[in-house]
Protein backbone atom coordinates (compact mmCIF):
# COMPACT_ATOMS: atom_id res chain seq x y z
CA MET A 1 0.00 0.00 0.00
CA PRO A 2 1.58 3.33 -1.04
CA ILE A 3 2.20 6.02 1.52
CA ARG A 4 0.52 9.28 0.70
CA LYS A 5 2.54 12.43 0.77
CA LEU A 6 1.28 15.03 3.18
CA SER A 7 0.32 18.30 1.63
CA ALA A 8 2.43 21.36 2.34
CA ASN A 9 -0.61 23.07 3.87
CA PHE A 10 -1.15 20.21 6.31
CA ILE A 11 2.49 20.21 7.35
CA ALA A 12 2.47 23.99 7.83
CA ALA A 13 -0.68 23.76 9.96
CA GLU A 14 0.85 21.02 12.10
CA GLN A 15 3.96 23.16 12.62
CA LYS A 16 1.81 26.12 13.70
CA VAL A 17 -0.07 23.96 16.20
CA ALA A 18 3.16 22.59 17.63
CA ALA A 19 4.61 26.10 17.94
CA ARG A 20 1.47 27.37 19.71
CA LYS A 21 1.54 24.42 22.13
CA ALA A 22 5.17 25.16 22.99
CA GLU A 23 4.33 28.85 23.48
CA LEU A 24 1.44 28.01 25.81
CA GLN A 25 3.64 25.74 27.90
CA ALA A 26 6.18 28.54 28.33
CA ASN A 27 3.55 31.29 28.75
CA PRO A 28 0.23 29.87 29.98
CA LEU A 29 -3.09 31.62 29.43
CA LEU A 30 -5.20 32.44 32.47
CA THR A 31 -8.96 32.80 32.45
CA VAL A 32 -10.53 36.06 33.63
CA PRO A 33 -11.21 34.75 37.18
CA GLN A 34 -7.69 33.29 37.42
CA ALA A 35 -6.13 36.54 36.19
CA ALA A 36 -8.23 38.61 38.59
CA GLN A 37 -7.15 36.43 41.49
CA TRP A 38 -3.51 36.60 40.38
CA LEU A 39 -3.71 40.41 40.26
CA GLY A 40 -5.69 40.65 43.50
CA VAL A 41 -8.64 42.48 41.95
CA SER A 42 -12.25 41.53 41.29
CA VAL A 43 -13.43 40.05 38.01
CA SER A 44 -15.57 43.14 37.41
CA THR A 45 -12.55 45.42 37.88
CA LEU A 46 -10.53 43.40 35.38
CA ASN A 47 -13.44 43.46 32.90
CA ARG A 48 -13.79 47.22 33.34
CA TRP A 49 -10.06 47.74 32.76
CA ARG A 50 -10.28 45.68 29.57
CA SER A 51 -13.28 47.65 28.28
CA LEU A 52 -11.46 50.93 28.97
CA GLY A 53 -8.20 49.67 27.46
CA ARG A 54 -6.31 50.15 30.74
CA GLY A 55 -5.52 46.68 32.03
CA PRO A 56 -3.09 43.98 30.95
CA ALA A 57 -3.16 42.74 27.38
CA SER A 58 -5.68 40.00 26.71
CA GLU A 59 -6.41 37.52 23.95
CA LYS A 60 -9.72 36.23 22.66
CA LEU A 61 -9.87 32.59 21.68
CA GLY A 62 -13.18 31.09 20.64
CA GLY A 63 -15.02 34.11 22.01
CA LYS A 64 -13.45 33.73 25.46
CA VAL A 65 -10.98 36.14 27.04
CA PHE A 66 -7.61 34.93 28.32
CA TYR A 67 -4.60 36.67 29.81
CA PRO A 68 -1.07 35.49 29.04
CA LEU A 69 0.87 35.19 32.29
CA SER A 70 3.76 37.22 30.87
CA ASP A 71 1.38 40.13 30.16
CA LEU A 72 0.09 40.04 33.75
CA GLN A 73 3.67 40.10 35.02
CA ALA A 74 4.55 43.01 32.72
CA PHE A 75 1.44 44.92 33.84
CA CYS A 76 2.42 44.49 37.50
CA SER A 77 5.98 45.63 36.88
CA LYS A 78 4.70 48.83 35.24
CA ALA A 79 2.28 49.66 38.06
């Protein structure tokens, strides 16, 4: 049975997934409640900061908000 060659697009997508997994291991994403607890503020305060563009940088994945740990650390070092 012949082995099929993988398409270049498939290989590129697999490489992107592997790179993202490695990035997330080095810099985990925290949920809004986790980030609020880490910062020592309420969830509503963190949400207000995000809506005003004042708080730490966040990412949206699948419609949910996450905070990279490195961005929370950078935000605390600035404050």
